[in-house]
């Protein structure tokens, strides 16, 4: 059977389709069932519901950024095995994106209006990191997943106790992110030099503050 090789134009069109689908909320369905499937919606008052929605909107935006980061890295990765690892991780991030979107719908809310901006910035960052080297690119994955795992742990503390469905989603995401970080480290990801991790935390804090509200 002949294998079709993609031209540069094909790759650009694929990336554009992925960007539009991810940034504007029309991405593919999850390949895994949501951890919240079959769980009853908790008895939340209006303030709790708004707070839970804000946190899940932040998580949804984080997954938009992860999709963009991995896509940017995979687009210019030097080694085929690095590209494969990035795309595998991106597939699980697609699950997370869908799960968060489902929770936002259940909480009668919507994704961040700034998702296209977050996507564009994260894609550019991923591409720049990959242009330096695969080791630096994987190092960005290690550091990103470390920070994401930490903020998901904070969200498990902040989500209303009654919102067991959102808590189940966040707990599974946290486990997946930790595994992505370990795999990136095992594949050769290096520790990023200062001040890069601090700048990443600063950008993340800005994103979280905006996405929680808008």
N, C-alpha and C. Protein backbone atom coordinates (compact mmCIF):
# COMPACT_ATOMS: atom_id res chain seq x y z
N UNK A 1 0.85 -1.20 0.00
CA UNK A 1 0.00 0.00 0.00
C UNK A 1 0.88 1.24 0.00
N UNK A 2 0.58 2.20 -0.87
CA UNK A 2 1.36 3.41 -0.96
C UNK A 2 1.05 4.32 0.21
N UNK A 3 2.12 4.94 0.73
CA UNK A 3 1.95 5.88 1.82
C UNK A 3 2.04 7.29 1.28
N UNK A 4 1.07 8.11 1.62
CA UNK A 4 1.04 9.47 1.11
C UNK A 4 1.90 10.37 1.98
N UNK A 5 2.81 11.11 1.37
CA UNK A 5 3.64 12.06 2.08
C UNK A 5 3.01 13.45 1.95
N UNK A 6 2.96 14.15 3.06
CA UNK A 6 2.31 15.46 3.08
C UNK A 6 3.26 16.54 2.57
N UNK A 7 2.73 17.39 1.73
CA UNK A 7 3.49 18.53 1.24
C UNK A 7 3.47 19.63 2.30
N UNK A 8 4.35 20.64 2.18
CA UNK A 8 4.29 21.78 3.11
C UNK A 8 2.91 22.43 3.14
N UNK A 9 2.27 22.53 1.98
CA UNK A 9 0.93 23.12 1.94
C UNK A 9 -0.07 22.26 2.72
N UNK A 10 0.03 20.92 2.58
CA UNK A 10 -0.84 20.02 3.32
C UNK A 10 -0.67 20.25 4.83
N UNK A 11 0.58 20.35 5.26
CA UNK A 11 0.86 20.52 6.70
C UNK A 11 0.31 21.84 7.21
N UNK A 12 0.44 22.89 6.41
CA UNK A 12 -0.09 24.19 6.82
C UNK A 12 -1.61 24.13 6.97
N UNK A 13 -2.29 23.49 6.01
CA UNK A 13 -3.75 23.39 6.06
C UNK A 13 -4.19 22.56 7.26
N UNK A 14 -3.45 21.48 7.56
CA UNK A 14 -3.78 20.65 8.72
C UNK A 14 -3.65 21.45 10.00
N UNK A 15 -2.55 22.23 10.11
CA UNK A 15 -2.34 23.03 11.31
C UNK A 15 -3.40 24.12 11.45
N UNK A 16 -3.79 24.72 10.34
CA UNK A 16 -4.84 25.73 10.40
C UNK A 16 -6.17 25.14 10.86
N UNK A 17 -6.48 23.95 10.34
CA UNK A 17 -7.71 23.28 10.75
C UNK A 17 -7.68 22.96 12.24
N UNK A 18 -6.54 22.45 12.71
CA UNK A 18 -6.41 22.12 14.12
C UNK A 18 -6.51 23.38 14.98
N UNK A 19 -5.88 24.46 14.53
CA UNK A 19 -5.92 25.71 15.29
C UNK A 19 -7.33 26.24 15.43
N UNK A 20 -8.07 26.26 14.32
CA UNK A 20 -9.45 26.76 14.35
C UNK A 20 -10.32 25.88 15.25
N UNK A 21 -10.17 24.56 15.10
CA UNK A 21 -10.97 23.65 15.91
C UNK A 21 -10.69 23.78 17.38
N UNK A 22 -9.42 23.93 17.74
CA UNK A 22 -9.05 24.02 19.15
C UNK A 22 -9.41 25.38 19.74
N UNK A 23 -9.05 26.44 19.05
CA UNK A 23 -9.24 27.78 19.60
C UNK A 23 -10.70 28.21 19.65
N UNK A 24 -11.52 27.68 18.72
CA UNK A 24 -12.91 28.12 18.68
C UNK A 24 -13.89 27.04 19.15
N UNK A 25 -13.36 26.00 19.80
CA UNK A 25 -14.22 25.05 20.48
C UNK A 25 -14.88 24.00 19.62
N UNK A 26 -14.31 23.71 18.44
CA UNK A 26 -14.90 22.67 17.58
C UNK A 26 -13.93 21.51 17.39
N UNK A 27 -13.08 21.26 18.39
CA UNK A 27 -12.09 20.19 18.29
C UNK A 27 -12.77 18.83 18.32
N UNK A 28 -12.02 17.79 17.94
CA UNK A 28 -12.56 16.44 17.89
C UNK A 28 -12.98 15.96 19.28
N UNK A 29 -13.88 14.99 19.29
CA UNK A 29 -14.33 14.42 20.55
C UNK A 29 -13.20 13.66 21.23
N UNK A 30 -13.34 13.45 22.52
CA UNK A 30 -12.34 12.72 23.28
C UNK A 30 -12.34 11.25 22.87
N UNK A 31 -11.16 10.64 22.93
CA UNK A 31 -11.04 9.21 22.66
C UNK A 31 -11.30 8.38 23.89
N UNK A 32 -11.23 9.01 25.08
CA UNK A 32 -11.52 8.33 26.34
C UNK A 32 -12.76 8.94 26.98
N UNK A 33 -13.48 8.11 27.70
CA UNK A 33 -14.67 8.60 28.39
C UNK A 33 -14.27 9.55 29.52
N UNK A 34 -15.01 10.60 29.68
CA UNK A 34 -14.73 11.56 30.74
C UNK A 34 -14.87 10.90 32.11
N UNK A 35 -13.96 11.21 33.05
CA UNK A 35 -14.10 10.69 34.42
C UNK A 35 -15.40 11.13 35.09
N UNK A 36 -16.02 12.18 34.56
CA UNK A 36 -17.27 12.68 35.14
C UNK A 36 -18.50 11.96 34.62
N UNK A 37 -18.32 11.06 33.65
CA UNK A 37 -19.46 10.37 33.04
C UNK A 37 -20.26 9.61 34.09
N UNK A 38 -21.57 9.84 34.10
CA UNK A 38 -22.46 9.13 35.02
C UNK A 38 -22.54 9.73 36.40
N UNK A 39 -21.74 10.75 36.70
CA UNK A 39 -21.77 11.36 38.02
C UNK A 39 -22.87 12.41 38.09
N UNK A 40 -23.51 12.49 39.23
CA UNK A 40 -24.55 13.49 39.42
C UNK A 40 -23.93 14.87 39.56
N UNK A 41 -24.63 15.87 39.04
CA UNK A 41 -24.20 17.25 39.24
C UNK A 41 -24.46 17.63 40.70
N UNK A 42 -23.47 18.24 41.31
CA UNK A 42 -23.61 18.60 42.71
C UNK A 42 -24.62 19.71 42.94
N UNK A 43 -25.03 19.85 44.17
CA UNK A 43 -25.97 20.91 44.55
C UNK A 43 -25.16 22.17 44.84
N UNK A 44 -24.91 22.95 43.79
CA UNK A 44 -24.09 24.15 43.91
C UNK A 44 -24.97 25.39 43.94
N UNK A 45 -24.60 26.35 44.80
CA UNK A 45 -25.30 27.64 44.72
C UNK A 45 -24.67 28.45 43.59
N UNK A 46 -25.21 29.64 43.33
CA UNK A 46 -24.77 30.42 42.17
C UNK A 46 -23.30 30.80 42.27
N UNK A 47 -22.85 31.20 43.44
CA UNK A 47 -21.45 31.58 43.61
C UNK A 47 -20.52 30.39 43.39
N UNK A 48 -20.89 29.23 43.91
CA UNK A 48 -20.07 28.03 43.73
C UNK A 48 -20.02 27.62 42.27
N UNK A 49 -21.15 27.73 41.60
CA UNK A 49 -21.19 27.36 40.19
C UNK A 49 -20.31 28.29 39.35
N UNK A 50 -20.39 29.59 39.63
CA UNK A 50 -19.55 30.54 38.89
C UNK A 50 -18.07 30.28 39.17
N UNK A 51 -17.74 29.98 40.42
CA UNK A 51 -16.35 29.73 40.78
C UNK A 51 -15.84 28.46 40.09
N UNK A 52 -16.64 27.40 40.13
CA UNK A 52 -16.24 26.15 39.47
C UNK A 52 -16.08 26.37 37.97
N UNK A 53 -16.99 27.14 37.38
CA UNK A 53 -16.90 27.41 35.94
C UNK A 53 -15.64 28.21 35.61
N UNK A 54 -15.30 29.17 36.46
CA UNK A 54 -14.09 29.94 36.24
C UNK A 54 -12.85 29.07 36.28
N UNK A 55 -12.79 28.16 37.24
CA UNK A 55 -11.64 27.26 37.33
C UNK A 55 -11.57 26.33 36.13
N UNK A 56 -12.70 25.78 35.72
CA UNK A 56 -12.70 24.88 34.57
C UNK A 56 -12.44 25.62 33.27
N UNK A 57 -12.80 26.90 33.22
CA UNK A 57 -12.45 27.71 32.04
C UNK A 57 -10.93 27.90 31.98
N UNK A 58 -10.31 28.12 33.12
CA UNK A 58 -8.84 28.21 33.16
C UNK A 58 -8.23 26.90 32.68
N UNK A 59 -8.77 25.78 33.15
CA UNK A 59 -8.23 24.48 32.74
C UNK A 59 -8.44 24.24 31.24
N UNK A 60 -9.58 24.66 30.74
CA UNK A 60 -9.84 24.51 29.30
C UNK A 60 -8.84 25.33 28.50
N UNK A 61 -8.59 26.56 28.92
CA UNK A 61 -7.61 27.40 28.23
C UNK A 61 -6.22 26.80 28.32
N UNK A 62 -5.90 26.21 29.48
CA UNK A 62 -4.61 25.53 29.61
C UNK A 62 -4.45 24.41 28.60
N UNK A 63 -5.53 23.70 28.33
CA UNK A 63 -5.46 22.62 27.34
C UNK A 63 -5.37 23.17 25.92
N UNK A 64 -5.99 24.31 25.66
CA UNK A 64 -5.81 24.98 24.37
C UNK A 64 -4.34 25.32 24.17
N UNK A 65 -3.72 25.87 25.22
CA UNK A 65 -2.29 26.21 25.15
C UNK A 65 -1.44 24.97 24.95
N UNK A 66 -1.79 23.87 25.63
CA UNK A 66 -1.02 22.63 25.49
C UNK A 66 -1.10 22.10 24.07
N UNK A 67 -2.31 22.11 23.49
CA UNK A 67 -2.47 21.67 22.11
C UNK A 67 -1.59 22.50 21.17
N UNK A 68 -1.61 23.81 21.37
CA UNK A 68 -0.83 24.70 20.51
C UNK A 68 0.66 24.48 20.71
N UNK A 69 1.10 24.35 21.95
CA UNK A 69 2.52 24.15 22.24
C UNK A 69 3.02 22.88 21.58
N UNK A 70 2.29 21.77 21.76
CA UNK A 70 2.70 20.50 21.17
C UNK A 70 2.67 20.54 19.65
N UNK A 71 1.67 21.21 19.10
CA UNK A 71 1.57 21.30 17.64
C UNK A 71 2.74 22.10 17.08
N UNK A 72 3.07 23.21 17.74
CA UNK A 72 4.20 24.01 17.30
C UNK A 72 5.51 23.25 17.38
N UNK A 73 5.67 22.49 18.47
CA UNK A 73 6.89 21.70 18.64
C UNK A 73 6.97 20.58 17.60
N UNK A 74 5.86 19.88 17.40
CA UNK A 74 5.86 18.75 16.46
C UNK A 74 6.09 19.23 15.02
N UNK A 75 5.63 20.43 14.71
CA UNK A 75 5.74 20.93 13.34
C UNK A 75 7.19 21.07 12.90
N UNK A 76 8.10 21.35 13.84
CA UNK A 76 9.50 21.58 13.46
C UNK A 76 10.47 20.66 14.20
N UNK A 77 9.94 19.63 14.87
CA UNK A 77 10.82 18.70 15.59
C UNK A 77 11.80 18.05 14.61
N UNK A 78 13.04 17.86 15.06
CA UNK A 78 14.06 17.29 14.19
C UNK A 78 13.94 15.78 14.07
N UNK A 79 13.64 15.10 15.18
CA UNK A 79 13.62 13.64 15.18
C UNK A 79 12.19 13.13 15.10
N UNK A 80 12.02 12.03 14.36
CA UNK A 80 10.70 11.44 14.20
C UNK A 80 10.15 10.93 15.53
N UNK A 81 11.02 10.38 16.39
CA UNK A 81 10.54 9.86 17.67
C UNK A 81 10.07 10.99 18.58
N UNK A 82 10.74 12.14 18.52
CA UNK A 82 10.29 13.29 19.31
C UNK A 82 8.92 13.76 18.83
N UNK A 83 8.77 13.84 17.51
CA UNK A 83 7.48 14.25 16.94
C UNK A 83 6.37 13.29 17.36
N UNK A 84 6.66 12.00 17.34
CA UNK A 84 5.66 11.00 17.72
C UNK A 84 5.26 11.16 19.18
N UNK A 85 6.23 11.41 20.06
CA UNK A 85 5.92 11.59 21.48
C UNK A 85 5.04 12.82 21.69
N UNK A 86 5.37 13.88 20.99
CA UNK A 86 4.58 15.11 21.13
C UNK A 86 3.15 14.91 20.65
N UNK A 87 2.99 14.21 19.54
CA UNK A 87 1.65 13.99 19.01
C UNK A 87 0.84 13.04 19.89
N UNK A 88 1.52 12.06 20.51
CA UNK A 88 0.83 11.17 21.44
C UNK A 88 0.32 11.95 22.65
N UNK A 89 1.17 12.83 23.18
CA UNK A 89 0.75 13.65 24.32
C UNK A 89 -0.38 14.58 23.91
N UNK A 90 -0.30 15.13 22.71
CA UNK A 90 -1.35 16.03 22.23
C UNK A 90 -2.69 15.31 22.13
N UNK A 91 -2.66 14.02 21.78
CA UNK A 91 -3.91 13.26 21.69
C UNK A 91 -4.60 13.19 23.05
N UNK A 92 -3.82 12.97 24.11
CA UNK A 92 -4.43 12.94 25.45
C UNK A 92 -4.88 14.33 25.87
N UNK A 93 -4.15 15.37 25.45
CA UNK A 93 -4.58 16.72 25.76
C UNK A 93 -5.91 17.03 25.07
N UNK A 94 -6.16 16.41 23.92
CA UNK A 94 -7.45 16.57 23.26
C UNK A 94 -8.57 16.02 24.13
N UNK A 95 -8.30 14.89 24.80
CA UNK A 95 -9.27 14.36 25.75
C UNK A 95 -9.56 15.39 26.83
N UNK A 96 -8.50 15.95 27.40
CA UNK A 96 -8.66 16.94 28.47
C UNK A 96 -9.48 18.13 27.98
N UNK A 97 -9.19 18.58 26.77
CA UNK A 97 -9.90 19.72 26.20
C UNK A 97 -11.40 19.43 26.11
N UNK A 98 -11.73 18.24 25.62
CA UNK A 98 -13.14 17.86 25.49
C UNK A 98 -13.80 17.72 26.86
N UNK A 99 -13.09 17.12 27.82
CA UNK A 99 -13.66 16.95 29.16
C UNK A 99 -13.96 18.31 29.80
N UNK A 100 -13.01 19.25 29.67
CA UNK A 100 -13.22 20.58 30.25
C UNK A 100 -14.39 21.29 29.57
N UNK A 101 -14.50 21.14 28.25
CA UNK A 101 -15.61 21.75 27.54
C UNK A 101 -16.95 21.18 28.02
N UNK A 102 -16.98 19.88 28.27
CA UNK A 102 -18.20 19.24 28.78
C UNK A 102 -18.56 19.79 30.16
N UNK A 103 -17.54 20.00 31.00
CA UNK A 103 -17.83 20.53 32.33
C UNK A 103 -18.31 21.97 32.26
N UNK A 104 -17.74 22.76 31.36
CA UNK A 104 -18.20 24.14 31.20
C UNK A 104 -19.67 24.16 30.77
N UNK A 105 -20.03 23.27 29.87
CA UNK A 105 -21.41 23.20 29.42
C UNK A 105 -22.32 22.80 30.57
N UNK A 106 -21.89 21.82 31.37
CA UNK A 106 -22.69 21.37 32.51
C UNK A 106 -22.85 22.46 33.55
N UNK A 107 -21.86 23.34 33.64
CA UNK A 107 -21.89 24.44 34.61
C UNK A 107 -22.50 25.71 34.01
N UNK A 108 -23.08 25.57 32.80
CA UNK A 108 -23.76 26.67 32.12
C UNK A 108 -22.81 27.84 31.86
N UNK A 109 -21.62 27.51 31.38
CA UNK A 109 -20.63 28.54 31.09
C UNK A 109 -20.02 28.30 29.71
N UNK A 110 -18.94 29.00 29.40
CA UNK A 110 -18.33 28.94 28.07
C UNK A 110 -16.82 29.06 28.20
N UNK A 111 -16.10 28.72 27.12
CA UNK A 111 -14.64 28.87 27.13
C UNK A 111 -14.23 30.35 27.12
N UNK A 112 -12.94 30.58 27.34
CA UNK A 112 -12.40 31.94 27.31
C UNK A 112 -12.52 32.54 25.91
N UNK A 113 -12.88 33.81 25.85
CA UNK A 113 -12.98 34.50 24.58
C UNK A 113 -11.60 34.75 23.96
N UNK A 114 -10.56 34.64 24.78
CA UNK A 114 -9.21 34.91 24.30
C UNK A 114 -8.47 33.64 23.86
N UNK A 115 -9.16 32.53 23.73
CA UNK A 115 -8.49 31.28 23.35
C UNK A 115 -7.69 31.38 22.05
N UNK A 116 -8.19 32.08 21.02
CA UNK A 116 -7.37 32.20 19.80
C UNK A 116 -6.03 32.88 20.07
N UNK A 117 -6.01 33.88 20.95
CA UNK A 117 -4.76 34.56 21.30
C UNK A 117 -3.83 33.62 22.05
N UNK A 118 -4.38 32.87 23.02
CA UNK A 118 -3.55 31.93 23.78
C UNK A 118 -2.97 30.87 22.83
N UNK A 119 -3.77 30.42 21.89
CA UNK A 119 -3.31 29.38 20.96
C UNK A 119 -2.15 29.90 20.12
N UNK A 120 -2.30 31.08 19.56
CA UNK A 120 -1.26 31.63 18.69
C UNK A 120 0.06 31.80 19.44
N UNK A 121 -0.01 32.36 20.65
CA UNK A 121 1.21 32.56 21.42
C UNK A 121 1.89 31.26 21.79
N UNK A 122 1.11 30.26 22.18
CA UNK A 122 1.68 28.98 22.59
C UNK A 122 2.26 28.23 21.40
N UNK A 123 1.61 28.30 20.25
CA UNK A 123 2.15 27.65 19.05
C UNK A 123 3.50 28.25 18.69
N UNK A 124 3.59 29.58 18.73
CA UNK A 124 4.85 30.24 18.40
C UNK A 124 5.94 29.85 19.39
N UNK A 125 5.60 29.79 20.67
CA UNK A 125 6.59 29.40 21.68
C UNK A 125 7.08 27.98 21.45
N UNK A 126 6.16 27.06 21.14
CA UNK A 126 6.55 25.69 20.88
C UNK A 126 7.45 25.56 19.67
N UNK A 127 7.15 26.31 18.62
CA UNK A 127 7.97 26.24 17.41
C UNK A 127 9.37 26.79 17.66
N UNK A 128 9.47 27.90 18.41
CA UNK A 128 10.77 28.48 18.71
C UNK A 128 11.60 27.51 19.54
N UNK A 129 10.98 26.89 20.55
CA UNK A 129 11.71 25.94 21.39
C UNK A 129 12.22 24.76 20.57
N UNK A 130 11.40 24.26 19.66
CA UNK A 130 11.80 23.12 18.85
C UNK A 130 12.90 23.48 17.86
N UNK A 131 12.92 24.73 17.42
CA UNK A 131 13.97 25.16 16.50
C UNK A 131 15.34 25.18 17.17
N UNK A 132 15.36 25.37 18.49
CA UNK A 132 16.63 25.36 19.22
C UNK A 132 17.20 23.95 19.24
N UNK A 133 16.41 23.01 19.74
CA UNK A 133 16.82 21.59 19.75
C UNK A 133 15.67 20.77 20.28
N UNK A 134 15.69 19.47 20.00
CA UNK A 134 14.67 18.58 20.55
C UNK A 134 14.77 18.51 22.07
N UNK A 135 15.99 18.59 22.60
CA UNK A 135 16.17 18.51 24.04
C UNK A 135 15.55 19.72 24.75
N UNK A 136 15.72 20.90 24.16
CA UNK A 136 15.10 22.10 24.72
C UNK A 136 13.57 22.01 24.57
N UNK A 137 13.11 21.54 23.42
CA UNK A 137 11.68 21.38 23.19
C UNK A 137 11.06 20.46 24.24
N UNK A 138 11.69 19.33 24.48
CA UNK A 138 11.19 18.40 25.50
C UNK A 138 11.33 18.99 26.90
N UNK A 139 12.34 19.83 27.09
CA UNK A 139 12.47 20.51 28.36
C UNK A 139 11.31 21.44 28.64
N UNK A 140 10.79 22.07 27.58
CA UNK A 140 9.59 22.90 27.74
C UNK A 140 8.40 22.04 28.16
N UNK A 141 8.31 20.83 27.63
CA UNK A 141 7.24 19.93 28.04
C UNK A 141 7.39 19.58 29.52
N UNK A 142 8.61 19.25 29.94
CA UNK A 142 8.85 18.90 31.35
C UNK A 142 8.42 20.05 32.27
N UNK A 143 8.87 21.26 31.96
CA UNK A 143 8.57 22.40 32.81
C UNK A 143 7.09 22.77 32.75
N UNK A 144 6.51 22.72 31.55
CA UNK A 144 5.09 23.02 31.41
C UNK A 144 4.25 22.06 32.23
N UNK A 145 4.54 20.77 32.11
CA UNK A 145 3.74 19.77 32.83
C UNK A 145 3.95 19.88 34.34
N UNK A 146 5.16 20.26 34.76
CA UNK A 146 5.40 20.47 36.19
C UNK A 146 4.51 21.58 36.73
N UNK A 147 4.45 22.68 35.98
CA UNK A 147 3.64 23.80 36.43
C UNK A 147 2.15 23.50 36.34
N UNK A 148 1.75 22.81 35.28
CA UNK A 148 0.34 22.45 35.13
C UNK A 148 -0.10 21.50 36.23
N UNK A 149 0.73 20.51 36.53
CA UNK A 149 0.40 19.57 37.60
C UNK A 149 0.20 20.30 38.92
N UNK A 150 1.05 21.30 39.19
CA UNK A 150 0.94 22.05 40.43
C UNK A 150 -0.36 22.86 40.47
N UNK A 151 -0.71 23.50 39.36
CA UNK A 151 -1.92 24.33 39.39
C UNK A 151 -3.18 23.46 39.42
N UNK A 152 -3.14 22.26 38.83
CA UNK A 152 -4.29 21.36 38.94
C UNK A 152 -4.47 20.89 40.37
N UNK A 153 -3.34 20.68 41.06
CA UNK A 153 -3.43 20.34 42.48
C UNK A 153 -4.09 21.44 43.28
N UNK A 154 -3.78 22.69 42.94
CA UNK A 154 -4.43 23.83 43.60
C UNK A 154 -5.93 23.84 43.31
N UNK A 155 -6.30 23.52 42.07
CA UNK A 155 -7.71 23.53 41.72
C UNK A 155 -8.49 22.44 42.45
N UNK A 156 -7.84 21.32 42.72
CA UNK A 156 -8.50 20.28 43.51
C UNK A 156 -8.85 20.78 44.90
N UNK A 157 -8.04 21.70 45.40
CA UNK A 157 -8.33 22.29 46.71
C UNK A 157 -9.39 23.39 46.62
N UNK A 158 -9.45 24.06 45.47
CA UNK A 158 -10.33 25.22 45.34
C UNK A 158 -11.72 24.89 44.81
N UNK A 159 -11.86 23.80 44.05
CA UNK A 159 -13.17 23.45 43.52
C UNK A 159 -14.14 23.13 44.65
N UNK A 160 -15.40 23.52 44.50
CA UNK A 160 -16.39 23.20 45.54
C UNK A 160 -16.45 21.68 45.79
N UNK A 161 -16.56 21.30 47.04
CA UNK A 161 -16.63 19.88 47.39
C UNK A 161 -17.80 19.21 46.69
N UNK A 162 -18.90 19.95 46.52
CA UNK A 162 -20.09 19.37 45.90
C UNK A 162 -19.90 19.09 44.41
N UNK A 163 -18.90 19.72 43.79
CA UNK A 163 -18.69 19.52 42.36
C UNK A 163 -17.73 18.34 42.15
N UNK A 164 -18.23 17.16 42.49
CA UNK A 164 -17.40 15.96 42.38
C UNK A 164 -17.04 15.64 40.93
N UNK A 165 -17.91 16.01 39.99
CA UNK A 165 -17.66 15.71 38.58
C UNK A 165 -16.43 16.48 38.08
N UNK A 166 -16.37 17.77 38.37
CA UNK A 166 -15.20 18.55 37.96
C UNK A 166 -13.94 18.07 38.67
N UNK A 167 -14.07 17.71 39.92
CA UNK A 167 -12.91 17.24 40.68
C UNK A 167 -12.37 15.93 40.09
N UNK A 168 -13.26 15.06 39.62
CA UNK A 168 -12.82 13.81 39.00
C UNK A 168 -12.06 14.07 37.72
N UNK A 169 -12.53 15.03 36.93
CA UNK A 169 -11.85 15.39 35.68
C UNK A 169 -10.46 15.95 35.98
N UNK A 170 -10.38 16.87 36.92
CA UNK A 170 -9.10 17.51 37.24
C UNK A 170 -8.11 16.49 37.80
N UNK A 171 -8.58 15.56 38.63
CA UNK A 171 -7.69 14.55 39.19
C UNK A 171 -7.07 13.68 38.09
N UNK A 172 -7.88 13.27 37.10
CA UNK A 172 -7.35 12.46 36.00
C UNK A 172 -6.38 13.27 35.15
N UNK A 173 -6.72 14.52 34.90
CA UNK A 173 -5.82 15.38 34.14
C UNK A 173 -4.48 15.52 34.84
N UNK A 174 -4.50 15.69 36.15
CA UNK A 174 -3.27 15.84 36.93
C UNK A 174 -2.39 14.61 36.77
N UNK A 175 -2.98 13.42 36.84
CA UNK A 175 -2.20 12.18 36.66
C UNK A 175 -1.60 12.11 35.25
N UNK A 176 -2.39 12.47 34.24
CA UNK A 176 -1.91 12.43 32.86
C UNK A 176 -0.77 13.41 32.64
N UNK A 177 -0.89 14.62 33.20
CA UNK A 177 0.15 15.63 33.00
C UNK A 177 1.46 15.18 33.64
N UNK A 178 1.38 14.58 34.82
CA UNK A 178 2.60 14.09 35.47
C UNK A 178 3.28 13.04 34.61
N UNK A 179 2.49 12.18 33.99
CA UNK A 179 3.07 11.14 33.14
C UNK A 179 3.70 11.75 31.88
N UNK A 180 3.07 12.76 31.30
CA UNK A 180 3.65 13.42 30.13
C UNK A 180 5.02 14.02 30.48
N UNK A 181 5.09 14.63 31.64
CA UNK A 181 6.35 15.23 32.06
C UNK A 181 7.44 14.19 32.25
N UNK A 182 7.09 13.05 32.86
CA UNK A 182 8.07 11.98 33.05
C UNK A 182 8.57 11.45 31.72
N UNK A 183 7.64 11.25 30.79
CA UNK A 183 8.02 10.72 29.47
C UNK A 183 8.94 11.70 28.73
N UNK A 184 8.65 12.99 28.84
CA UNK A 184 9.49 13.98 28.18
C UNK A 184 10.89 13.99 28.79
N UNK A 185 10.97 13.83 30.10
CA UNK A 185 12.27 13.76 30.77
C UNK A 185 13.04 12.53 30.31
N UNK A 186 12.36 11.39 30.25
CA UNK A 186 13.01 10.15 29.83
C UNK A 186 13.47 10.21 28.38
N UNK A 187 12.79 11.02 27.57
CA UNK A 187 13.14 11.14 26.15
C UNK A 187 14.29 12.11 25.91
N UNK A 188 14.77 12.76 26.98
CA UNK A 188 15.92 13.65 26.83
C UNK A 188 15.67 15.10 27.15
N UNK A 189 14.51 15.42 27.70
CA UNK A 189 14.21 16.81 28.05
C UNK A 189 15.16 17.32 29.11
N UNK A 190 15.64 18.55 28.93
CA UNK A 190 16.60 19.14 29.86
C UNK A 190 15.91 20.16 30.76
N UNK A 191 16.57 20.51 31.87
CA UNK A 191 16.07 21.58 32.72
C UNK A 191 16.32 22.91 32.04
N UNK A 192 15.29 23.73 31.96
CA UNK A 192 15.43 25.02 31.30
C UNK A 192 16.17 25.99 32.23
N UNK A 193 17.06 26.80 31.68
CA UNK A 193 17.83 27.73 32.51
C UNK A 193 16.96 28.89 32.96
N UNK A 194 17.31 29.50 34.11
CA UNK A 194 16.60 30.71 34.50
C UNK A 194 16.93 31.82 33.51
N UNK A 195 16.01 32.75 33.28
CA UNK A 195 14.74 32.94 34.00
C UNK A 195 13.55 32.31 33.27
N UNK A 196 13.77 31.34 32.38
CA UNK A 196 12.67 30.83 31.56
C UNK A 196 11.52 30.25 32.39
N UNK A 197 11.79 29.36 33.39
CA UNK A 197 10.66 28.85 34.18
C UNK A 197 9.87 29.95 34.87
N UNK A 198 10.57 30.97 35.38
CA UNK A 198 9.88 32.07 36.06
C UNK A 198 9.02 32.86 35.07
N UNK A 199 9.51 33.07 33.87
CA UNK A 199 8.74 33.77 32.85
C UNK A 199 7.52 32.95 32.44
N UNK A 200 7.69 31.63 32.37
CA UNK A 200 6.56 30.76 32.05
C UNK A 200 5.48 30.85 33.13
N UNK A 201 5.90 30.89 34.40
CA UNK A 201 4.93 31.02 35.50
C UNK A 201 4.21 32.37 35.42
N UNK A 202 4.95 33.42 35.08
CA UNK A 202 4.34 34.74 34.97
C UNK A 202 3.28 34.75 33.87
N UNK A 203 3.64 34.21 32.70
CA UNK A 203 2.67 34.15 31.60
C UNK A 203 1.46 33.31 31.97
N UNK A 204 1.71 32.20 32.69
CA UNK A 204 0.61 31.33 33.12
C UNK A 204 -0.31 32.06 34.08
N UNK A 205 0.26 32.83 34.99
CA UNK A 205 -0.56 33.55 35.96
C UNK A 205 -1.44 34.60 35.28
N UNK A 206 -0.90 35.25 34.25
CA UNK A 206 -1.70 36.22 33.49
C UNK A 206 -2.85 35.50 32.80
N UNK A 207 -2.53 34.37 32.16
CA UNK A 207 -3.57 33.60 31.47
C UNK A 207 -4.66 33.17 32.45
N UNK A 208 -4.27 32.66 33.60
CA UNK A 208 -5.26 32.18 34.57
C UNK A 208 -6.15 33.30 35.08
N UNK A 209 -5.54 34.46 35.34
CA UNK A 209 -6.32 35.58 35.84
C UNK A 209 -7.35 36.06 34.82
N UNK A 210 -6.95 36.08 33.55
CA UNK A 210 -7.87 36.55 32.50
C UNK A 210 -8.93 35.49 32.20
N UNK A 211 -8.48 34.23 32.02
CA UNK A 211 -9.41 33.16 31.63
C UNK A 211 -10.45 32.88 32.70
N UNK A 212 -10.11 33.09 33.96
CA UNK A 212 -11.09 32.86 35.03
C UNK A 212 -12.31 33.75 34.85
N UNK A 213 -12.09 34.94 34.32
CA UNK A 213 -13.17 35.92 34.21
C UNK A 213 -13.77 36.03 32.81
N UNK A 214 -12.91 35.88 31.79
CA UNK A 214 -13.38 36.15 30.42
C UNK A 214 -13.13 34.94 29.52
